[in-house]
Amino acid sequence: MSSHVSETTKHVLDGFSVVTVLGTLADVLPSIAAVFTIIWTGIRIYETDTVQLLLGKKPIADEPNE
């Protein structure tokens, strides 16, 4: 089963991620928040086309279906 998260949700979570990093750097939030941010950022980087291409999970040229 595949679950897809909308782009809006991803952008909101990315925003929370940035706020978490800033809060952690300012010693406002506990370091556990930094761990969650690192995990989320790693997932987002893994999802990029470049990384998927380097890992061989995505073809070099996506051909449109005709």
PDB file of N, CA and C in Angstrom:
ATOM      1  N   MET A   1       0.845  -1.160   0.000  1.00  0.00           N
ATOM      2  CA  MET A   1       0.000   0.000   0.000  1.00  0.00           C
ATOM      3  C   MET A   1       0.899   1.234   0.000  1.00  0.00           C
ATOM      4  N   SER A   2       0.564   2.177  -0.825  1.00  0.00           N
ATOM      5  CA  SER A   2       1.362   3.390  -0.964  1.00  0.00           C
ATOM      6  C   SER A   2       0.571   4.572  -0.435  1.00  0.00           C
ATOM      7  N   SER A   3       1.244   5.394   0.365  1.00  0.00           N
ATOM      8  CA  SER A   3       0.578   6.574   0.896  1.00  0.00           C
ATOM      9  C   SER A   3       1.293   7.808   0.371  1.00  0.00           C
ATOM     10  N   HIS A   4       0.526   8.740  -0.158  1.00  0.00           N
ATOM     11  CA  HIS A   4       1.094   9.957  -0.730  1.00  0.00           C
ATOM     12  C   HIS A   4       0.708  11.146   0.138  1.00  0.00           C
ATOM     13  N   VAL A   5       1.699  11.970   0.432  1.00  0.00           N
ATOM     14  CA  VAL A   5       1.477  13.179   1.222  1.00  0.00           C
ATOM     15  C   VAL A   5       1.422  14.343   0.244  1.00  0.00           C
ATOM     16  N   SER A   6       0.440  15.212   0.421  1.00  0.00           N
ATOM     17  CA  SER A   6       0.285  16.329  -0.508  1.00  0.00           C
ATOM     18  C   SER A   6       1.473  17.276  -0.395  1.00  0.00           C
ATOM     19  N   GLU A   7       1.717  18.015  -1.467  1.00  0.00           N
ATOM     20  CA  GLU A   7       2.823  18.978  -1.491  1.00  0.00           C
ATOM     21  C   GLU A   7       2.629  20.060  -0.435  1.00  0.00           C
ATOM     22  N   THR A   8       1.391  20.467  -0.202  1.00  0.00           N
ATOM     23  CA  THR A   8       1.118  21.488   0.809  1.00  0.00           C
ATOM     24  C   THR A   8       1.542  20.986   2.182  1.00  0.00           C
ATOM     25  N   THR A   9       1.225  19.746   2.489  1.00  0.00           N
ATOM     26  CA  THR A   9       1.615  19.163   3.772  1.00  0.00           C
ATOM     27  C   THR A   9       3.125  19.118   3.893  1.00  0.00           C
ATOM     28  N   LYS A  10       3.808  18.757   2.811  1.00  0.00           N
ATOM     29  CA  LYS A  10       5.265  18.711   2.834  1.00  0.00           C
ATOM     30  C   LYS A  10       5.853  20.097   3.080  1.00  0.00           C
ATOM     31  N   HIS A  11       5.283  21.121   2.467  1.00  0.00           N
ATOM     32  CA  HIS A  11       5.779  22.483   2.655  1.00  0.00           C
ATOM     33  C   HIS A  11       5.562  22.949   4.095  1.00  0.00           C
ATOM     34  N   VAL A  12       4.421  22.598   4.660  1.00  0.00           N
ATOM     35  CA  VAL A  12       4.146  22.971   6.052  1.00  0.00           C
ATOM     36  C   VAL A  12       5.145  22.288   6.982  1.00  0.00           C
ATOM     37  N   LEU A  13       5.388  20.996   6.758  1.00  0.00           N
ATOM     38  CA  LEU A  13       6.350  20.273   7.586  1.00  0.00           C
ATOM     39  C   LEU A  13       7.768  20.805   7.388  1.00  0.00           C
ATOM     40  N   ASP A  14       8.101  21.210   6.168  1.00  0.00           N
ATOM     41  CA  ASP A  14       9.406  21.831   5.931  1.00  0.00           C
ATOM     42  C   ASP A  14       9.531  23.133   6.723  1.00  0.00           C
ATOM     43  N   GLY A  15       8.455  23.905   6.783  1.00  0.00           N
ATOM     44  CA  GLY A  15       8.460  25.143   7.561  1.00  0.00           C
ATOM     45  C   GLY A  15       8.672  24.859   9.046  1.00  0.00           C
ATOM     46  N   PHE A  16       7.969  23.853   9.564  1.00  0.00           N
ATOM     47  CA  PHE A  16       8.168  23.464  10.958  1.00  0.00           C
ATOM     48  C   PHE A  16       9.595  22.998  11.194  1.00  0.00           C
ATOM     49  N   SER A  17      10.149  22.327  10.205  1.00  0.00           N
ATOM     50  CA  SER A  17      11.520  21.858  10.310  1.00  0.00           C
ATOM     51  C   SER A  17      12.490  23.026  10.465  1.00  0.00           C
ATOM     52  N   VAL A  18      12.306  24.057   9.656  1.00  0.00           N
ATOM     53  CA  VAL A  18      13.176  25.244   9.739  1.00  0.00           C
ATOM     54  C   VAL A  18      13.012  25.921  11.089  1.00  0.00           C
ATOM     55  N   VAL A  19      11.781  26.076  11.553  1.00  0.00           N
ATOM     56  CA  VAL A  19      11.532  26.697  12.856  1.00  0.00           C
ATOM     57  C   VAL A  19      12.175  25.860  13.963  1.00  0.00           C
ATOM     58  N   THR A  20      12.108  24.550  13.839  1.00  0.00           N
ATOM     59  CA  THR A  20      12.715  23.671  14.826  1.00  0.00           C
ATOM     60  C   THR A  20      14.223  23.852  14.873  1.00  0.00           C
ATOM     61  N   VAL A  21      14.842  23.935  13.698  1.00  0.00           N
ATOM     62  CA  VAL A  21      16.293  24.146  13.653  1.00  0.00           C
ATOM     63  C   VAL A  21      16.658  25.460  14.323  1.00  0.00           C
ATOM     64  N   LEU A  22      15.940  26.531  13.982  1.00  0.00           N
ATOM     65  CA  LEU A  22      16.230  27.836  14.580  1.00  0.00           C
ATOM     66  C   LEU A  22      16.016  27.820  16.094  1.00  0.00           C
ATOM     67  N   GLY A  23      14.949  27.170  16.529  1.00  0.00           N
ATOM     68  CA  GLY A  23      14.681  27.074  17.961  1.00  0.00           C
ATOM     69  C   GLY A  23      15.738  26.267  18.685  1.00  0.00           C
ATOM     70  N   THR A  24      16.195  25.199  18.064  1.00  0.00           N
ATOM     71  CA  THR A  24      17.231  24.380  18.675  1.00  0.00           C
ATOM     72  C   THR A  24      18.542  25.150  18.766  1.00  0.00           C
ATOM     73  N   LEU A  25      18.881  25.869  17.709  1.00  0.00           N
ATOM     74  CA  LEU A  25      20.106  26.661  17.727  1.00  0.00           C
ATOM     75  C   LEU A  25      20.054  27.758  18.789  1.00  0.00           C
ATOM     76  N   ALA A  26      18.874  28.240  19.075  1.00  0.00           N
ATOM     77  CA  ALA A  26      18.715  29.287  20.081  1.00  0.00           C
ATOM     78  C   ALA A  26      18.498  28.692  21.479  1.00  0.00           C
ATOM     79  N   ASP A  27      18.645  27.385  21.632  1.00  0.00           N
ATOM     80  CA  ASP A  27      18.451  26.676  22.897  1.00  0.00           C
ATOM     81  C   ASP A  27      17.050  26.859  23.472  1.00  0.00           C
ATOM     82  N   VAL A  28      16.080  27.020  22.597  1.00  0.00           N
ATOM     83  CA  VAL A  28      14.698  27.166  23.043  1.00  0.00           C
ATOM     84  C   VAL A  28      14.025  25.801  23.124  1.00  0.00           C
ATOM     85  N   LEU A  29      14.360  24.924  22.212  1.00  0.00           N
ATOM     86  CA  LEU A  29      13.742  23.600  22.160  1.00  0.00           C
ATOM     87  C   LEU A  29      14.761  22.543  22.568  1.00  0.00           C
ATOM     88  N   PRO A  30      14.301  21.435  23.060  1.00  0.00           N
ATOM     89  CA  PRO A  30      15.235  20.369  23.436  1.00  0.00           C
ATOM     90  C   PRO A  30      15.884  19.736  22.206  1.00  0.00           C
ATOM     91  N   SER A  31      16.975  19.085  22.431  1.00  0.00           N
ATOM     92  CA  SER A  31      17.727  18.506  21.320  1.00  0.00           C
ATOM     93  C   SER A  31      16.984  17.371  20.618  1.00  0.00           C
ATOM     94  N   ILE A  32      15.980  16.807  21.256  1.00  0.00           N
ATOM     95  CA  ILE A  32      15.202  15.746  20.593  1.00  0.00           C
ATOM     96  C   ILE A  32      14.515  16.304  19.348  1.00  0.00           C
ATOM     97  N   ALA A  33      14.149  17.579  19.377  1.00  0.00           N
ATOM     98  CA  ALA A  33      13.527  18.199  18.204  1.00  0.00           C
ATOM     99  C   ALA A  33      14.510  18.230  17.045  1.00  0.00           C
ATOM    100  N   ALA A  34      15.781  18.414  17.342  1.00  0.00           N
ATOM    101  CA  ALA A  34      16.796  18.423  16.295  1.00  0.00           C
ATOM    102  C   ALA A  34      16.888  17.057  15.632  1.00  0.00           C
ATOM    103  N   VAL A  35      16.738  16.001  16.403  1.00  0.00           N
ATOM    104  CA  VAL A  35      16.781  14.647  15.841  1.00  0.00           C
ATOM    105  C   VAL A  35      15.650  14.454  14.842  1.00  0.00           C
ATOM    106  N   PHE A  36      14.445  14.860  15.207  1.00  0.00           N
ATOM    107  CA  PHE A  36      13.309  14.739  14.293  1.00  0.00           C
ATOM    108  C   PHE A  36      13.520  15.575  13.036  1.00  0.00           C
ATOM    109  N   THR A  37      14.111  16.739  13.185  1.00  0.00           N
ATOM    110  CA  THR A  37      14.386  17.601  12.044  1.00  0.00           C
ATOM    111  C   THR A  37      15.399  16.958  11.108  1.00  0.00           C
ATOM    112  N   ILE A  38      16.432  16.364  11.676  1.00  0.00           N
ATOM    113  CA  ILE A  38      17.446  15.697  10.858  1.00  0.00           C
ATOM    114  C   ILE A  38      16.835  14.529  10.100  1.00  0.00           C
ATOM    115  N   ILE A  39      15.975  13.773  10.760  1.00  0.00           N
ATOM    116  CA  ILE A  39      15.309  12.646  10.095  1.00  0.00           C
ATOM    117  C   ILE A  39      14.441  13.153   8.948  1.00  0.00           C
ATOM    118  N   TRP A  40      13.633  14.197   9.207  1.00  0.00           N
ATOM    119  CA  TRP A  40      12.735  14.742   8.173  1.00  0.00           C
ATOM    120  C   TRP A  40      13.537  15.286   6.989  1.00  0.00           C
ATOM    121  N   THR A  41      14.606  16.013   7.277  1.00  0.00           N
ATOM    122  CA  THR A  41      15.431  16.574   6.211  1.00  0.00           C
ATOM    123  C   THR A  41      16.073  15.459   5.397  1.00  0.00           C
ATOM    124  N   GLY A  42      16.522  14.417   6.061  1.00  0.00           N
ATOM    125  CA  GLY A  42      17.095  13.268   5.358  1.00  0.00           C
ATOM    126  C   GLY A  42      16.095  12.607   4.427  1.00  0.00           C
ATOM    127  N   ILE A  43      14.868  12.470   4.889  1.00  0.00           N
ATOM    128  CA  ILE A  43      13.818  11.886   4.041  1.00  0.00           C
ATOM    129  C   ILE A  43      13.584  12.764   2.820  1.00  0.00           C
ATOM    130  N   ARG A  44      13.511  14.077   3.031  1.00  0.00           N
ATOM    131  CA  ARG A  44      13.264  14.997   1.911  1.00  0.00           C
ATOM    132  C   ARG A  44      14.409  14.964   0.904  1.00  0.00           C
ATOM    133  N   ILE A  45      15.648  14.883   1.396  1.00  0.00           N
ATOM    134  CA  ILE A  45      16.788  14.803   0.488  1.00  0.00           C
ATOM    135  C   ILE A  45      16.750  13.489  -0.278  1.00  0.00           C
ATOM    136  N   TYR A  46      16.419  12.406   0.398  1.00  0.00           N
ATOM    137  CA  TYR A  46      16.329  11.097  -0.244  1.00  0.00           C
ATOM    138  C   TYR A  46      15.288  11.091  -1.360  1.00  0.00           C
ATOM    139  N   GLU A  47      14.216  11.846  -1.201  1.00  0.00           N
ATOM    140  CA  GLU A  47      13.139  11.885  -2.196  1.00  0.00           C
ATOM    141  C   GLU A  47      13.490  12.692  -3.443  1.00  0.00           C
ATOM    142  N   THR A  48      14.563  13.481  -3.424  1.00  0.00           N
ATOM    143  CA  THR A  48      14.877  14.327  -4.570  1.00  0.00           C
ATOM    144  C   THR A  48      15.214  13.491  -5.796  1.00  0.00           C
ATOM    145  N   ASP A  49      14.953  14.064  -6.959  1.00  0.00           N
ATOM    146  CA  ASP A  49      15.221  13.372  -8.221  1.00  0.00           C
ATOM    147  C   ASP A  49      16.699  13.033  -8.366  1.00  0.00           C
ATOM    148  N   THR A  50      17.577  13.931  -7.932  1.00  0.00           N
ATOM    149  CA  THR A  50      19.012  13.706  -8.070  1.00  0.00           C
ATOM    150  C   THR A  50      19.453  12.479  -7.288  1.00  0.00           C
ATOM    151  N   VAL A  51      19.035  12.370  -6.039  1.00  0.00           N
ATOM    152  CA  VAL A  51      19.421  11.225  -5.214  1.00  0.00           C
ATOM    153  C   VAL A  51      18.814   9.944  -5.771  1.00  0.00           C
ATOM    154  N   GLN A  52      17.571  10.004  -6.193  1.00  0.00           N
ATOM    155  CA  GLN A  52      16.934   8.819  -6.755  1.00  0.00           C
ATOM    156  C   GLN A  52      17.651   8.363  -8.024  1.00  0.00           C
ATOM    157  N   LEU A  53      18.121   9.325  -8.827  1.00  0.00           N
ATOM    158  CA  LEU A  53      18.875   9.002 -10.035  1.00  0.00           C
ATOM    159  C   LEU A  53      20.215   8.364  -9.666  1.00  0.00           C
ATOM    160  N   LEU A  54      20.902   8.924  -8.681  1.00  0.00           N
ATOM    161  CA  LEU A  54      22.191   8.381  -8.251  1.00  0.00           C
ATOM    162  C   LEU A  54      22.063   6.969  -7.681  1.00  0.00           C
ATOM    163  N   LEU A  55      20.949   6.691  -7.036  1.00  0.00           N
ATOM    164  CA  LEU A  55      20.724   5.367  -6.458  1.00  0.00           C
ATOM    165  C   LEU A  55      20.164   4.377  -7.472  1.00  0.00           C
ATOM    166  N   GLY A  56      19.885   4.848  -8.681  1.00  0.00           N
ATOM    167  CA  GLY A  56      19.348   3.979  -9.725  1.00  0.00           C
ATOM    168  C   GLY A  56      17.892   3.623  -9.526  1.00  0.00           C
ATOM    169  N   LYS A  57      17.184   4.405  -8.733  1.00  0.00           N
ATOM    170  CA  LYS A  57      15.770   4.136  -8.480  1.00  0.00           C
ATOM    171  C   LYS A  57      14.854   4.850  -9.464  1.00  0.00           C
ATOM    172  N   LYS A  58      15.437   5.753 -10.262  1.00  0.00           N
ATOM    173  CA  LYS A  58      14.649   6.517 -11.213  1.00  0.00           C
ATOM    174  C   LYS A  58      15.382   6.500 -12.547  1.00  0.00           C
ATOM    175  N   PRO A  59      14.660   6.270 -13.640  1.00  0.00           N
ATOM    176  CA  PRO A  59      15.321   6.288 -14.946  1.00  0.00           C
ATOM    177  C   PRO A  59      15.888   7.670 -15.277  1.00  0.00           C
ATOM    178  N   ILE A  60      16.907   7.710 -16.126  1.00  0.00           N
ATOM    179  CA  ILE A  60      17.553   8.961 -16.470  1.00  0.00           C
ATOM    180  C   ILE A  60      16.581   9.930 -17.134  1.00  0.00           C
ATOM    181  N   ALA A  61      15.825   9.454 -18.094  1.00  0.00           N
ATOM    182  CA  ALA A  61      14.853  10.317 -18.766  1.00  0.00           C
ATOM    183  C   ALA A  61      13.470   9.696 -18.620  1.00  0.00           C
ATOM    184  N   ASP A  62      12.572  10.438 -17.981  1.00  0.00           N
ATOM    185  CA  ASP A  62      11.200   9.982 -17.877  1.00  0.00           C
ATOM    186  C   ASP A  62      10.501  10.259 -19.185  1.00  0.00           C
ATOM    187  N   GLU A  63      10.018   9.211 -19.819  1.00  0.00           N
ATOM    188  CA  GLU A  63       9.306   9.374 -21.090  1.00  0.00           C
ATOM    189  C   GLU A  63       7.821   9.527 -20.815  1.00  0.00           C
ATOM    190  N   PRO A  64       7.186  10.520 -21.436  1.00  0.00           N
ATOM    191  CA  PRO A  64       5.749  10.688 -21.231  1.00  0.00           C
ATOM    192  C   PRO A  64       4.972   9.541 -21.866  1.00  0.00           C
ATOM    193  N   ASN A  65       3.888   9.170 -21.224  1.00  0.00           N
ATOM    194  CA  ASN A  65       3.012   8.118 -21.770  1.00  0.00           C
ATOM    195  C   ASN A  65       2.218   8.687 -22.923  1.00  0.00           C
ATOM    196  N   GLU A  66       2.234   7.967 -24.028  1.00  0.00           N
ATOM    197  CA  GLU A  66       1.471   8.425 -25.191  1.00  0.00           C
ATOM    198  C   GLU A  66       0.326   7.509 -25.472  1.00  0.00           C
TER     199      GLU A  66
END
